[in-house]
Amino acid sequence: MAHLDALVVALPADCDPQLRHFLERQSYAKALDWLQVRVESDAG
């Protein structure tokens, strides 16, 4: 878990605010859902 925390701290400044919110609050399921929707919308 410490590794994930370090990665969250290292997110770039232009990271999507909603994704950052989910990751900072350790809402990993919501972050994963957000990413899946994003990938699907980019693919379509």
Protein backbone atom coordinates (compact mmCIF):
# COMPACT_ATOMS: atom_id res chain seq x y z
CA MET A 1 0.00 0.00 0.00
CA ALA A 2 2.91 2.36 0.65
CA HIS A 3 3.93 1.98 -2.99
CA LEU A 4 0.49 3.13 -4.15
CA ASP A 5 0.62 6.09 -1.77
CA ALA A 6 3.98 7.11 -3.24
CA LEU A 7 2.58 6.91 -6.76
CA VAL A 8 -0.43 9.05 -5.82
CA VAL A 9 1.86 11.71 -4.37
CA ALA A 10 3.83 11.67 -7.62
CA LEU A 11 0.80 12.28 -9.87
CA PRO A 12 1.41 15.09 -12.36
CA ALA A 13 -0.19 18.46 -11.70
CA ASP A 14 -2.43 18.07 -14.75
CA CYS A 15 -3.93 14.80 -13.51
CA ASP A 16 -7.72 14.74 -13.75
CA PRO A 17 -9.09 16.17 -10.48
CA GLN A 18 -11.72 13.47 -10.07
CA LEU A 19 -9.19 10.68 -10.57
CA ARG A 20 -6.84 12.37 -8.11
CA HIS A 21 -9.69 12.62 -5.59
CA PHE A 22 -10.43 8.90 -5.85
CA LEU A 23 -6.78 7.92 -5.52
CA GLU A 24 -6.01 10.25 -2.63
CA ARG A 25 -8.97 8.86 -0.71
CA GLN A 26 -8.01 5.29 -1.61
CA SER A 27 -11.26 4.74 -3.50
CA TYR A 28 -9.53 2.36 -5.86
CA ALA A 29 -12.72 0.74 -7.19
CA LYS A 30 -14.05 4.17 -8.19
CA ALA A 31 -10.68 5.07 -9.72
CA LEU A 32 -10.71 1.86 -11.72
CA ASP A 33 -14.26 2.52 -12.91
CA TRP A 34 -13.23 6.05 -13.94
CA LEU A 35 -10.26 4.68 -15.88
CA GLN A 36 -12.35 2.01 -17.62
CA VAL A 37 -14.92 4.58 -18.78
CA ARG A 38 -12.11 6.82 -19.99
CA VAL A 39 -10.44 4.03 -21.98
CA GLU A 40 -13.77 2.96 -23.49
CA SER A 41 -14.62 6.53 -24.54
CA ASP A 42 -11.14 7.02 -26.04
CA ALA A 43 -11.46 3.75 -27.99
CA GLY A 44 -14.91 4.57 -29.36
